[in-house]
């Protein structure tokens, strides 16, 4: 718009001073409107309604048709303006709007050339411009699809752990904030399971990092196997530390933790044998008032599980804020499932 306004003023007024007064007025008013709207788009796009950006290519095509007819201009330069709405729509709008705008542009081009040119010349110009508009849309859409695909790949890589394929810490933090907002709106339950592979350094030192990596992947696969909810999040947040974010109450979260411990114990394809995991469980709002406190409560429960002998599940049982300045053994956690011997 900012580029077309001075161009239209130059070709429609300065270079054609003998144009009838109504035509000059129409060109000047059109130039002023286009320039003003372009300036608003450039400097303060937030003041324009969202629908404006959807309909602006149709508005632009209408302006182009009107100014061409008022100035009696069907030259090549005037016709090339029809490519601008096509470029905009193809770059930013969805396919349905792109196709509608393309048809609208081709119809507008036909109206201009068939009214202002001889039929045989008009048909030639219209065919060439219609083909140019279609090919422009095709090329821009192809480049846009490739860019979108690359962006999706980059987003996936940025949000996933390279070794296990699970979500990474950044992804988990985003999902935690989203889940927290959901819980506040719906008075829902959230559970965080913090999972640590016991004596993982010993596996690396004794069997090598390749086996250690296989062990981490096996634990990740076990976590995914016990995760059944559509909104569940399974993430690796550290070297041998994992988390699960579940929309479950305490009983459901403990059931998943028990199933995970069983699934990990059943791993039989590692030379080091099945690894052992310690799990800390905390539930919102029972054990924490915020998602940040929920993660801390789960970490505290994990600490208790590890200091209590490892290979077990510990569960937070009340708000840490209600019992300040306590040791981990007394700070809102209790054992609910012990190790392989089944003590509780």
C-alpha atoms as a PDB file:
ATOM      1  CA  UNK A   1       0.000   0.000   0.000  1.00  0.00           C
ATOM      2  CA  UNK A   2       2.787   2.411   0.860  1.00  0.00           C
ATOM      3  CA  UNK A   3       4.481   1.653  -2.467  1.00  0.00           C
ATOM      4  CA  UNK A   4       1.331   1.819  -4.566  1.00  0.00           C
ATOM      5  CA  UNK A   5       0.044   5.141  -3.191  1.00  0.00           C
ATOM      6  CA  UNK A   6       2.806   7.356  -4.661  1.00  0.00           C
ATOM      7  CA  UNK A   7       2.853   5.282  -7.855  1.00  0.00           C
ATOM      8  CA  UNK A   8      -0.881   5.796  -8.404  1.00  0.00           C
ATOM      9  CA  UNK A   9      -0.571   9.493  -7.568  1.00  0.00           C
ATOM     10  CA  UNK A  10       2.282   9.876 -10.052  1.00  0.00           C
ATOM     11  CA  UNK A  11       0.660   7.994 -12.930  1.00  0.00           C
ATOM     12  CA  UNK A  12      -2.909   9.060 -12.227  1.00  0.00           C
ATOM     13  CA  UNK A  13      -2.408  12.772 -11.471  1.00  0.00           C
ATOM     14  CA  UNK A  14       1.080  14.127 -12.118  1.00  0.00           C
ATOM     15  CA  UNK A  15       1.607  12.464 -15.515  1.00  0.00           C
ATOM     16  CA  UNK A  16      -2.019  12.956 -16.613  1.00  0.00           C
ATOM     17  CA  UNK A  17      -2.894  16.506 -15.515  1.00  0.00           C
ATOM     18  CA  UNK A  18      -5.650  16.865 -18.126  1.00  0.00           C
ATOM     19  CA  UNK A  19      -7.787  14.121 -16.598  1.00  0.00           C
ATOM     20  CA  UNK A  20     -11.384  15.192 -15.830  1.00  0.00           C
ATOM     21  CA  UNK A  21     -11.888  16.620 -12.357  1.00  0.00           C
ATOM     22  CA  UNK A  22     -13.998  13.724 -11.063  1.00  0.00           C
ATOM     23  CA  UNK A  23     -11.260  11.313 -12.131  1.00  0.00           C
ATOM     24  CA  UNK A  24      -8.555  13.407 -10.472  1.00  0.00           C
ATOM     25  CA  UNK A  25     -10.562  13.590  -7.247  1.00  0.00           C
ATOM     26  CA  UNK A  26     -11.135   9.820  -7.300  1.00  0.00           C
ATOM     27  CA  UNK A  27      -7.431   9.134  -7.803  1.00  0.00           C
ATOM     28  CA  UNK A  28      -6.359  11.567  -5.073  1.00  0.00           C
ATOM     29  CA  UNK A  29      -8.889  10.202  -2.564  1.00  0.00           C
ATOM     30  CA  UNK A  30      -7.942   6.628  -3.371  1.00  0.00           C
ATOM     31  CA  UNK A  31      -4.255   7.426  -3.012  1.00  0.00           C
ATOM     32  CA  UNK A  32      -4.836   9.137   0.333  1.00  0.00           C
ATOM     33  CA  UNK A  33      -6.906   6.211   1.691  1.00  0.00           C
ATOM     34  CA  UNK A  34      -4.459   3.572   0.503  1.00  0.00           C
ATOM     35  CA  UNK A  35      -1.479   5.497   1.878  1.00  0.00           C
ATOM     36  CA  UNK A  36      -3.184   6.088   5.249  1.00  0.00           C
ATOM     37  CA  UNK A  37      -4.227   2.466   5.681  1.00  0.00           C
ATOM     38  CA  UNK A  38      -0.753   1.320   4.621  1.00  0.00           C
ATOM     39  CA  UNK A  39       0.831   3.588   7.199  1.00  0.00           C
ATOM     40  CA  UNK A  40      -1.474   2.239   9.926  1.00  0.00           C
ATOM     41  CA  UNK A  41      -0.626  -1.337   8.893  1.00  0.00           C
ATOM     42  CA  UNK A  42       3.069  -0.522   9.088  1.00  0.00           C
ATOM     43  CA  UNK A  43       3.140   1.455  12.344  1.00  0.00           C
ATOM     44  CA  UNK A  44       0.145   0.264  14.397  1.00  0.00           C
ATOM     45  CA  UNK A  45      -1.127  -3.085  13.087  1.00  0.00           C
ATOM     46  CA  UNK A  46      -2.620  -3.931  16.508  1.00  0.00           C
ATOM     47  CA  UNK A  47      -5.339  -1.263  16.140  1.00  0.00           C
ATOM     48  CA  UNK A  48      -6.836  -3.040  13.136  1.00  0.00           C
ATOM     49  CA  UNK A  49      -9.403  -5.820  13.708  1.00  0.00           C
ATOM     50  CA  UNK A  50      -8.314  -9.368  12.964  1.00  0.00           C
ATOM     51  CA  UNK A  51     -10.874  -9.645  10.175  1.00  0.00           C
ATOM     52  CA  UNK A  52      -9.092  -6.846   8.313  1.00  0.00           C
ATOM     53  CA  UNK A  53      -6.096  -9.067   7.583  1.00  0.00           C
ATOM     54  CA  UNK A  54      -8.413 -11.719   6.169  1.00  0.00           C
ATOM     55  CA  UNK A  55     -10.328  -9.406   3.847  1.00  0.00           C
ATOM     56  CA  UNK A  56      -7.588  -6.953   2.899  1.00  0.00           C
ATOM     57  CA  UNK A  57      -6.566  -8.796  -0.331  1.00  0.00           C
ATOM     58  CA  UNK A  58     -10.174  -8.594  -1.552  1.00  0.00           C
ATOM     59  CA  UNK A  59     -10.292  -4.908  -0.626  1.00  0.00           C
ATOM     60  CA  UNK A  60      -6.999  -4.342  -2.430  1.00  0.00           C
ATOM     61  CA  UNK A  61      -8.267  -6.063  -5.578  1.00  0.00           C
ATOM     62  CA  UNK A  62     -11.378  -3.868  -5.492  1.00  0.00           C
ATOM     63  CA  UNK A  63      -9.184  -0.757  -5.226  1.00  0.00           C
ATOM     64  CA  UNK A  64      -7.012  -1.925  -8.111  1.00  0.00           C
ATOM     65  CA  UNK A  65     -10.025  -2.534 -10.345  1.00  0.00           C
ATOM     66  CA  UNK A  66     -11.544   0.802  -9.403  1.00  0.00           C
ATOM     67  CA  UNK A  67      -8.403   2.839  -9.956  1.00  0.00           C
ATOM     68  CA  UNK A  68      -7.701   1.144 -13.302  1.00  0.00           C
ATOM     69  CA  UNK A  69     -11.209   1.882 -14.522  1.00  0.00           C
ATOM     70  CA  UNK A  70     -11.186   5.471 -13.235  1.00  0.00           C
ATOM     71  CA  UNK A  71      -7.811   6.182 -14.830  1.00  0.00           C
ATOM     72  CA  UNK A  72      -8.691   4.205 -17.961  1.00  0.00           C
ATOM     73  CA  UNK A  73      -5.408   2.331 -17.536  1.00  0.00           C
ATOM     74  CA  UNK A  74      -5.027  -1.277 -18.652  1.00  0.00           C
ATOM     75  CA  UNK A  75      -1.293  -1.115 -19.244  1.00  0.00           C
ATOM     76  CA  UNK A  76       1.042  -3.888 -18.165  1.00  0.00           C
ATOM     77  CA  UNK A  77       2.163  -1.880 -15.141  1.00  0.00           C
ATOM     78  CA  UNK A  78      -1.414  -1.401 -13.988  1.00  0.00           C
ATOM     79  CA  UNK A  79      -2.214  -5.096 -14.441  1.00  0.00           C
ATOM     80  CA  UNK A  80       0.815  -6.193 -12.438  1.00  0.00           C
ATOM     81  CA  UNK A  81      -0.783  -4.724  -9.331  1.00  0.00           C
ATOM     82  CA  UNK A  82      -3.115  -7.743  -9.304  1.00  0.00           C
ATOM     83  CA  UNK A  83      -0.136  -9.882  -8.274  1.00  0.00           C
ATOM     84  CA  UNK A  84       0.186  -8.065  -4.960  1.00  0.00           C
ATOM     85  CA  UNK A  85      -3.017  -9.423  -3.329  1.00  0.00           C
ATOM     86  CA  UNK A  86      -2.059 -12.886  -4.606  1.00  0.00           C
ATOM     87  CA  UNK A  87       1.373 -12.632  -2.976  1.00  0.00           C
ATOM     88  CA  UNK A  88      -0.116 -11.459   0.312  1.00  0.00           C
ATOM     89  CA  UNK A  89      -2.847 -14.103   0.468  1.00  0.00           C
ATOM     90  CA  UNK A  90      -0.492 -16.917  -0.540  1.00  0.00           C
ATOM     91  CA  UNK A  91       2.021 -15.897   2.119  1.00  0.00           C
ATOM     92  CA  UNK A  92      -0.276 -15.476   5.105  1.00  0.00           C
ATOM     93  CA  UNK A  93      -3.792 -16.876   4.652  1.00  0.00           C
ATOM     94  CA  UNK A  94      -5.274 -20.354   4.537  1.00  0.00           C
ATOM     95  CA  UNK A  95      -5.809 -22.242   1.306  1.00  0.00           C
ATOM     96  CA  UNK A  96      -9.541 -21.637   1.033  1.00  0.00           C
ATOM     97  CA  UNK A  97      -9.062 -17.872   1.225  1.00  0.00           C
ATOM     98  CA  UNK A  98      -6.116 -18.096  -1.186  1.00  0.00           C
ATOM     99  CA  UNK A  99      -8.239 -19.864  -3.807  1.00  0.00           C
ATOM    100  CA  UNK A 100     -11.142 -17.436  -3.331  1.00  0.00           C
ATOM    101  CA  UNK A 101      -8.809 -14.446  -3.604  1.00  0.00           C
ATOM    102  CA  UNK A 102      -7.166 -15.921  -6.700  1.00  0.00           C
ATOM    103  CA  UNK A 103     -10.547 -16.312  -8.404  1.00  0.00           C
ATOM    104  CA  UNK A 104     -11.490 -12.785  -7.329  1.00  0.00           C
ATOM    105  CA  UNK A 105      -8.235 -11.379  -8.755  1.00  0.00           C
ATOM    106  CA  UNK A 106      -8.645 -13.195 -12.060  1.00  0.00           C
ATOM    107  CA  UNK A 107     -12.207 -11.904 -12.331  1.00  0.00           C
ATOM    108  CA  UNK A 108     -11.051  -8.355 -11.522  1.00  0.00           C
ATOM    109  CA  UNK A 109      -8.329  -8.549 -14.159  1.00  0.00           C
ATOM    110  CA  UNK A 110     -10.888  -9.758 -16.714  1.00  0.00           C
ATOM    111  CA  UNK A 111     -13.210  -6.859 -15.877  1.00  0.00           C
ATOM    112  CA  UNK A 112     -10.438  -4.311 -16.435  1.00  0.00           C
ATOM    113  CA  UNK A 113      -8.963  -5.622 -19.676  1.00  0.00           C
ATOM    114  CA  UNK A 114     -12.220  -6.569 -21.391  1.00  0.00           C
ATOM    115  CA  UNK A 115     -13.721  -3.164 -20.626  1.00  0.00           C
ATOM    116  CA  UNK A 116     -10.675  -1.146 -21.610  1.00  0.00           C
ATOM    117  CA  UNK A 117      -9.067  -3.146 -24.439  1.00  0.00           C
ATOM    118  CA  UNK A 118     -10.060  -4.700 -27.709  1.00  0.00           C
ATOM    119  CA  UNK A 119     -11.302  -8.289 -27.281  1.00  0.00           C
ATOM    120  CA  UNK A 120      -8.356 -10.036 -28.927  1.00  0.00           C
ATOM    121  CA  UNK A 121      -5.805  -7.963 -26.981  1.00  0.00           C
ATOM    122  CA  UNK A 122      -7.831  -8.326 -23.794  1.00  0.00           C
ATOM    123  CA  UNK A 123      -7.974 -12.110 -24.076  1.00  0.00           C
ATOM    124  CA  UNK A 124      -4.195 -12.284 -24.547  1.00  0.00           C
ATOM    125  CA  UNK A 125      -3.482 -10.050 -21.555  1.00  0.00           C
ATOM    126  CA  UNK A 126      -6.047 -11.760 -19.356  1.00  0.00           C
ATOM    127  CA  UNK A 127      -4.696 -15.247 -20.144  1.00  0.00           C
ATOM    128  CA  UNK A 128      -1.117 -14.186 -19.431  1.00  0.00           C
ATOM    129  CA  UNK A 129      -1.991 -12.461 -16.159  1.00  0.00           C
ATOM    130  CA  UNK A 130      -4.259 -15.304 -15.005  1.00  0.00           C
ATOM    131  CA  UNK A 131      -1.434 -17.769 -15.599  1.00  0.00           C
ATOM    132  CA  UNK A 132       1.031 -15.472 -13.812  1.00  0.00           C
ATOM    133  CA  UNK A 133      -1.268 -15.187 -10.791  1.00  0.00           C
ATOM    134  CA  UNK A 134      -1.839 -18.948 -10.598  1.00  0.00           C
ATOM    135  CA  UNK A 135       1.875 -19.707 -10.894  1.00  0.00           C
ATOM    136  CA  UNK A 136       2.701 -17.050  -8.296  1.00  0.00           C
ATOM    137  CA  UNK A 137       0.283 -18.662  -5.852  1.00  0.00           C
ATOM    138  CA  UNK A 138       1.689 -22.136  -6.575  1.00  0.00           C
ATOM    139  CA  UNK A 139       5.306 -21.067  -6.067  1.00  0.00           C
ATOM    140  CA  UNK A 140       4.627 -19.105  -2.881  1.00  0.00           C
ATOM    141  CA  UNK A 141       2.510 -21.917  -1.429  1.00  0.00           C
ATOM    142  CA  UNK A 142       5.234 -24.459  -2.208  1.00  0.00           C
ATOM    143  CA  UNK A 143       7.892 -22.337  -0.507  1.00  0.00           C
ATOM    144  CA  UNK A 144       5.553 -21.711   2.413  1.00  0.00           C
ATOM    145  CA  UNK A 145       4.840 -25.446   2.834  1.00  0.00           C
ATOM    146  CA  UNK A 146       8.566 -26.216   2.848  1.00  0.00           C
ATOM    147  CA  UNK A 147       9.206 -23.488   5.386  1.00  0.00           C
ATOM    148  CA  UNK A 148       6.344 -24.751   7.593  1.00  0.00           C
ATOM    149  CA  UNK A 149       7.672 -28.298   7.393  1.00  0.00           C
ATOM    150  CA  UNK A 150      11.153 -27.141   8.370  1.00  0.00           C
ATOM    151  CA  UNK A 151       9.693 -25.116  11.227  1.00  0.00           C
ATOM    152  CA  UNK A 152       7.805 -28.168  12.515  1.00  0.00           C
ATOM    153  CA  UNK A 153      10.991 -30.229  12.405  1.00  0.00           C
ATOM    154  CA  UNK A 154      12.934 -27.538  14.256  1.00  0.00           C
ATOM    155  CA  UNK A 155      10.184 -27.191  16.865  1.00  0.00           C
ATOM    156  CA  UNK A 156      10.134 -30.950  17.381  1.00  0.00           C
ATOM    157  CA  UNK A 157      13.904 -31.032  17.775  1.00  0.00           C
ATOM    158  CA  UNK A 158      13.832 -28.085  20.157  1.00  0.00           C
ATOM    159  CA  UNK A 159      11.146 -29.691  22.340  1.00  0.00           C
ATOM    160  CA  UNK A 160      12.354 -33.315  22.336  1.00  0.00           C
ATOM    161  CA  UNK A 161      15.183 -35.170  24.031  1.00  0.00           C
ATOM    162  CA  UNK A 162      17.550 -36.473  21.359  1.00  0.00           C
ATOM    163  CA  UNK A 163      18.419 -39.737  23.124  1.00  0.00           C
ATOM    164  CA  UNK A 164      14.996 -41.001  24.225  1.00  0.00           C
ATOM    165  CA  UNK A 165      12.581 -39.098  22.003  1.00  0.00           C
ATOM    166  CA  UNK A 166      10.678 -37.909  25.076  1.00  0.00           C
ATOM    167  CA  UNK A 167       9.802 -34.291  25.759  1.00  0.00           C
ATOM    168  CA  UNK A 168      12.688 -32.263  27.157  1.00  0.00           C
ATOM    169  CA  UNK A 169      12.673 -29.878  30.111  1.00  0.00           C
ATOM    170  CA  UNK A 170      11.602 -26.913  28.017  1.00  0.00           C
ATOM    171  CA  UNK A 171       8.661 -28.839  26.646  1.00  0.00           C
ATOM    172  CA  UNK A 172       7.755 -30.139  30.101  1.00  0.00           C
ATOM    173  CA  UNK A 173       7.801 -26.629  31.579  1.00  0.00           C
ATOM    174  CA  UNK A 174       5.467 -25.401  28.841  1.00  0.00           C
ATOM    175  CA  UNK A 175       3.089 -28.323  29.344  1.00  0.00           C
ATOM    176  CA  UNK A 176       3.213 -27.877  33.125  1.00  0.00           C
ATOM    177  CA  UNK A 177       2.138 -24.238  32.828  1.00  0.00           C
ATOM    178  CA  UNK A 178      -0.650 -25.214  30.438  1.00  0.00           C
ATOM    179  CA  UNK A 179      -1.838 -27.997  32.685  1.00  0.00           C
ATOM    180  CA  UNK A 180      -1.746 -25.704  35.703  1.00  0.00           C
ATOM    181  CA  UNK A 181      -4.021 -23.230  33.927  1.00  0.00           C
ATOM    182  CA  UNK A 182      -6.378 -26.100  33.063  1.00  0.00           C
ATOM    183  CA  UNK A 183      -6.439 -27.254  36.700  1.00  0.00           C
ATOM    184  CA  UNK A 184      -7.286 -23.763  37.954  1.00  0.00           C
ATOM    185  CA  UNK A 185     -10.124 -23.347  35.460  1.00  0.00           C
ATOM    186  CA  UNK A 186     -11.644 -26.772  36.025  1.00  0.00           C
ATOM    187  CA  UNK A 187     -10.675 -27.496  39.631  1.00  0.00           C
ATOM    188  CA  UNK A 188      -8.847 -30.511  38.222  1.00  0.00           C
ATOM    189  CA  UNK A 189      -6.224 -32.841  39.623  1.00  0.00           C
ATOM    190  CA  UNK A 190      -2.620 -32.965  38.431  1.00  0.00           C
ATOM    191  CA  UNK A 191       0.004 -35.472  39.416  1.00  0.00           C
ATOM    192  CA  UNK A 192       3.765 -35.238  38.906  1.00  0.00           C
ATOM    193  CA  UNK A 193       5.897 -38.380  39.084  1.00  0.00           C
ATOM    194  CA  UNK A 194       9.622 -37.711  39.365  1.00  0.00           C
ATOM    195  CA  UNK A 195      11.597 -40.793  38.333  1.00  0.00           C
ATOM    196  CA  UNK A 196      15.286 -41.419  38.946  1.00  0.00           C
ATOM    197  CA  UNK A 197      17.323 -44.387  37.696  1.00  0.00           C
ATOM    198  CA  UNK A 198      19.066 -45.845  40.737  1.00  0.00           C
ATOM    199  CA  UNK A 199      22.874 -46.075  40.659  1.00  0.00           C
ATOM    200  CA  UNK A 200      22.977 -45.013  37.021  1.00  0.00           C
ATOM    201  CA  UNK A 201      26.622 -43.940  37.331  1.00  0.00           C
ATOM    202  CA  UNK A 202      27.448 -47.510  38.326  1.00  0.00           C
ATOM    203  CA  UNK A 203      25.839 -48.769  35.095  1.00  0.00           C
ATOM    204  CA  UNK A 204      27.902 -46.336  33.037  1.00  0.00           C
ATOM    205  CA  UNK A 205      31.128 -47.139  34.876  1.00  0.00           C
ATOM    206  CA  UNK A 206      30.662 -50.903  34.780  1.00  0.00           C
ATOM    207  CA  UNK A 207      29.076 -51.433  31.363  1.00  0.00           C
ATOM    208  CA  UNK A 208      29.935 -48.324  29.399  1.00  0.00           C
ATOM    209  CA  UNK A 209      27.943 -45.352  28.182  1.00  0.00           C
ATOM    210  CA  UNK A 210      26.403 -47.282  25.300  1.00  0.00           C
ATOM    211  CA  UNK A 211      24.667 -49.632  27.753  1.00  0.00           C
ATOM    212  CA  UNK A 212      23.779 -46.641  29.925  1.00  0.00           C
ATOM    213  CA  UNK A 213      22.081 -45.016  26.948  1.00  0.00           C
ATOM    214  CA  UNK A 214      20.205 -48.259  26.235  1.00  0.00           C
ATOM    215  CA  UNK A 215      19.052 -48.325  29.848  1.00  0.00           C
ATOM    216  CA  UNK A 216      17.732 -44.769  29.607  1.00  0.00           C
ATOM    217  CA  UNK A 217      15.888 -45.579  26.399  1.00  0.00           C
ATOM    218  CA  UNK A 218      14.412 -48.682  28.002  1.00  0.00           C
ATOM    219  CA  UNK A 219      13.171 -46.696  31.008  1.00  0.00           C
ATOM    220  CA  UNK A 220      11.711 -44.079  28.649  1.00  0.00           C
ATOM    221  CA  UNK A 221       9.873 -46.808  26.712  1.00  0.00           C
ATOM    222  CA  UNK A 222       8.510 -48.239  29.979  1.00  0.00           C
ATOM    223  CA  UNK A 223       7.237 -44.799  30.984  1.00  0.00           C
ATOM    224  CA  UNK A 224       5.490 -44.380  27.665  1.00  0.00           C
ATOM    225  CA  UNK A 225       3.942 -47.834  27.985  1.00  0.00           C
ATOM    226  CA  UNK A 226       2.227 -46.972  31.288  1.00  0.00           C
ATOM    227  CA  UNK A 227       1.146 -43.526  30.104  1.00  0.00           C
ATOM    228  CA  UNK A 228      -2.351 -43.892  28.662  1.00  0.00           C
ATOM    229  CA  UNK A 229      -3.962 -40.446  28.899  1.00  0.00           C
ATOM    230  CA  UNK A 230      -4.148 -38.216  25.836  1.00  0.00           C
ATOM    231  CA  UNK A 231      -2.876 -35.270  27.901  1.00  0.00           C
ATOM    232  CA  UNK A 232      -0.085 -37.178  29.678  1.00  0.00           C
ATOM    233  CA  UNK A 233       3.437 -35.761  29.352  1.00  0.00           C
ATOM    234  CA  UNK A 234       6.519 -37.936  29.685  1.00  0.00           C
ATOM    235  CA  UNK A 235       9.817 -36.057  29.730  1.00  0.00           C
ATOM    236  CA  UNK A 236      13.509 -36.474  30.406  1.00  0.00           C
ATOM    237  CA  UNK A 237      14.660 -33.473  32.433  1.00  0.00           C
ATOM    238  CA  UNK A 238      18.187 -34.504  33.336  1.00  0.00           C
ATOM    239  CA  UNK A 239      20.808 -37.165  32.810  1.00  0.00           C
ATOM    240  CA  UNK A 240      18.936 -40.033  34.500  1.00  0.00           C
ATOM    241  CA  UNK A 241      15.928 -38.087  35.773  1.00  0.00           C
ATOM    242  CA  UNK A 242      12.498 -38.283  34.201  1.00  0.00           C
ATOM    243  CA  UNK A 243       9.080 -36.831  34.993  1.00  0.00           C
ATOM    244  CA  UNK A 244       5.506 -37.704  34.178  1.00  0.00           C
ATOM    245  CA  UNK A 245       2.708 -35.144  34.236  1.00  0.00           C
ATOM    246  CA  UNK A 246      -0.664 -36.840  34.599  1.00  0.00           C
ATOM    247  CA  UNK A 247      -4.212 -35.552  35.015  1.00  0.00           C
ATOM    248  CA  UNK A 248      -4.939 -38.043  37.798  1.00  0.00           C
ATOM    249  CA  UNK A 249      -5.738 -38.090  41.500  1.00  0.00           C
ATOM    250  CA  UNK A 250      -3.456 -39.649  44.097  1.00  0.00           C
ATOM    251  CA  UNK A 251      -4.762 -43.190  43.703  1.00  0.00           C
ATOM    252  CA  UNK A 252      -4.441 -43.102  39.917  1.00  0.00           C
ATOM    253  CA  UNK A 253      -0.940 -41.605  40.097  1.00  0.00           C
ATOM    254  CA  UNK A 254       0.245 -44.263  42.553  1.00  0.00           C
ATOM    255  CA  UNK A 255      -1.198 -46.953  40.313  1.00  0.00           C
ATOM    256  CA  UNK A 256       0.798 -45.596  37.361  1.00  0.00           C
ATOM    257  CA  UNK A 257       3.945 -45.402  39.524  1.00  0.00           C
ATOM    258  CA  UNK A 258       3.525 -49.035  40.565  1.00  0.00           C
ATOM    259  CA  UNK A 259       2.944 -50.078  36.955  1.00  0.00           C
ATOM    260  CA  UNK A 260       6.081 -48.201  35.903  1.00  0.00           C
ATOM    261  CA  UNK A 261       8.222 -49.885  38.572  1.00  0.00           C
ATOM    262  CA  UNK A 262       6.899 -53.252  37.420  1.00  0.00           C
ATOM    263  CA  UNK A 263       7.518 -52.445  33.739  1.00  0.00           C
ATOM    264  CA  UNK A 264      11.100 -51.360  34.418  1.00  0.00           C
ATOM    265  CA  UNK A 265      11.765 -54.477  36.497  1.00  0.00           C
ATOM    266  CA  UNK A 266      10.591 -56.584  33.528  1.00  0.00           C
ATOM    267  CA  UNK A 267      13.227 -55.188  31.134  1.00  0.00           C
ATOM    268  CA  UNK A 268      15.222 -58.203  30.006  1.00  0.00           C
ATOM    269  CA  UNK A 269      17.386 -57.074  27.088  1.00  0.00           C
ATOM    270  CA  UNK A 270      20.120 -55.188  28.941  1.00  0.00           C
ATOM    271  CA  UNK A 271      23.469 -56.810  29.780  1.00  0.00           C
ATOM    272  CA  UNK A 272      23.428 -55.034  33.116  1.00  0.00           C
ATOM    273  CA  UNK A 273      20.032 -56.493  33.958  1.00  0.00           C
ATOM    274  CA  UNK A 274      16.874 -54.468  34.613  1.00  0.00           C
ATOM    275  CA  UNK A 275      17.597 -51.087  36.188  1.00  0.00           C
ATOM    276  CA  UNK A 276      15.928 -49.974  39.372  1.00  0.00           C
ATOM    277  CA  UNK A 277      13.954 -46.722  39.650  1.00  0.00           C
ATOM    278  CA  UNK A 278      12.896 -44.546  42.557  1.00  0.00           C
ATOM    279  CA  UNK A 279       9.718 -42.530  42.110  1.00  0.00           C
ATOM    280  CA  UNK A 280       8.333 -39.506  43.914  1.00  0.00           C
ATOM    281  CA  UNK A 281       4.637 -38.656  43.550  1.00  0.00           C
ATOM    282  CA  UNK A 282       2.809 -35.440  44.353  1.00  0.00           C
ATOM    283  CA  UNK A 283      -0.702 -34.266  43.490  1.00  0.00           C
ATOM    284  CA  UNK A 284      -2.233 -30.843  42.946  1.00  0.00           C
ATOM    285  CA  UNK A 285      -4.037 -29.402  44.912  1.00  0.00           C
ATOM    286  CA  UNK A 286      -3.604 -31.969  47.718  1.00  0.00           C
ATOM    287  CA  UNK A 287       0.159 -31.558  48.100  1.00  0.00           C
ATOM    288  CA  UNK A 288       0.843 -28.135  46.578  1.00  0.00           C
ATOM    289  CA  UNK A 289      -0.942 -24.909  45.737  1.00  0.00           C
ATOM    290  CA  UNK A 290       0.966 -24.169  42.527  1.00  0.00           C
ATOM    291  CA  UNK A 291       2.584 -26.236  39.784  1.00  0.00           C
ATOM    292  CA  UNK A 292       6.005 -25.023  40.897  1.00  0.00           C
ATOM    293  CA  UNK A 293       5.341 -26.268  44.428  1.00  0.00           C
ATOM    294  CA  UNK A 294       3.957 -29.479  42.939  1.00  0.00           C
ATOM    295  CA  UNK A 295       7.282 -30.219  41.248  1.00  0.00           C
ATOM    296  CA  UNK A 296       9.136 -29.439  44.475  1.00  0.00           C
ATOM    297  CA  UNK A 297       6.845 -31.751  46.446  1.00  0.00           C
ATOM    298  CA  UNK A 298       7.455 -34.542  43.941  1.00  0.00           C
ATOM    299  CA  UNK A 299      11.231 -33.946  44.179  1.00  0.00           C
ATOM    300  CA  UNK A 300      10.995 -34.161  47.965  1.00  0.00           C
ATOM    301  CA  UNK A 301       9.089 -37.423  47.693  1.00  0.00           C
ATOM    302  CA  UNK A 302      11.745 -38.758  45.327  1.00  0.00           C
ATOM    303  CA  UNK A 303      14.430 -37.847  47.864  1.00  0.00           C
ATOM    304  CA  UNK A 304      12.605 -39.856  50.498  1.00  0.00           C
ATOM    305  CA  UNK A 305      12.280 -42.819  48.152  1.00  0.00           C
ATOM    306  CA  UNK A 306      16.023 -42.766  47.468  1.00  0.00           C
ATOM    307  CA  UNK A 307      17.101 -42.293  51.093  1.00  0.00           C
ATOM    308  CA  UNK A 308      14.641 -44.974  52.174  1.00  0.00           C
ATOM    309  CA  UNK A 309      16.377 -47.676  50.181  1.00  0.00           C
ATOM    310  CA  UNK A 310      15.748 -46.866  46.484  1.00  0.00           C
ATOM    311  CA  UNK A 311      13.681 -48.945  44.113  1.00  0.00           C
ATOM    312  CA  UNK A 312      10.473 -47.710  45.694  1.00  0.00           C
ATOM    313  CA  UNK A 313       7.685 -45.125  45.471  1.00  0.00           C
ATOM    314  CA  UNK A 314       7.197 -42.287  47.944  1.00  0.00           C
ATOM    315  CA  UNK A 315       4.162 -40.020  47.928  1.00  0.00           C
ATOM    316  CA  UNK A 316       3.702 -36.510  49.267  1.00  0.00           C
ATOM    317  CA  UNK A 317       0.660 -36.354  51.520  1.00  0.00           C
ATOM    318  CA  UNK A 318       0.061 -32.728  52.409  1.00  0.00           C
ATOM    319  CA  UNK A 319       1.030 -29.179  51.514  1.00  0.00           C
ATOM    320  CA  UNK A 320       4.671 -28.501  52.239  1.00  0.00           C
ATOM    321  CA  UNK A 321       3.657 -24.958  53.211  1.00  0.00           C
ATOM    322  CA  UNK A 322       1.686 -26.388  56.145  1.00  0.00           C
ATOM    323  CA  UNK A 323       4.844 -27.956  57.587  1.00  0.00           C
ATOM    324  CA  UNK A 324       7.769 -25.559  57.085  1.00  0.00           C
ATOM    325  CA  UNK A 325      11.353 -26.209  58.128  1.00  0.00           C
ATOM    326  CA  UNK A 326      11.016 -29.989  58.276  1.00  0.00           C
ATOM    327  CA  UNK A 327      13.483 -32.620  57.176  1.00  0.00           C
ATOM    328  CA  UNK A 328      12.687 -34.544  53.971  1.00  0.00           C
ATOM    329  CA  UNK A 329      11.610 -37.568  56.043  1.00  0.00           C
ATOM    330  CA  UNK A 330       8.916 -35.485  57.722  1.00  0.00           C
ATOM    331  CA  UNK A 331       8.180 -32.926  55.067  1.00  0.00           C
ATOM    332  CA  UNK A 332       4.940 -34.061  53.501  1.00  0.00           C
ATOM    333  CA  UNK A 333       5.969 -37.492  52.186  1.00  0.00           C
ATOM    334  CA  UNK A 334       5.369 -41.117  53.071  1.00  0.00           C
ATOM    335  CA  UNK A 335       6.245 -44.486  51.593  1.00  0.00           C
ATOM    336  CA  UNK A 336       3.328 -46.230  49.927  1.00  0.00           C
ATOM    337  CA  UNK A 337       5.175 -48.954  48.001  1.00  0.00           C
ATOM    338  CA  UNK A 338       8.494 -50.415  48.962  1.00  0.00           C
ATOM    339  CA  UNK A 339      11.093 -52.174  46.899  1.00  0.00           C
ATOM    340  CA  UNK A 340      11.042 -55.576  45.277  1.00  0.00           C
ATOM    341  CA  UNK A 341      10.482 -57.331  48.585  1.00  0.00           C
ATOM    342  CA  UNK A 342       7.065 -55.692  48.803  1.00  0.00           C
ATOM    343  CA  UNK A 343       7.446 -54.072  52.243  1.00  0.00           C
ATOM    344  CA  UNK A 344       5.287 -51.022  52.954  1.00  0.00           C
END
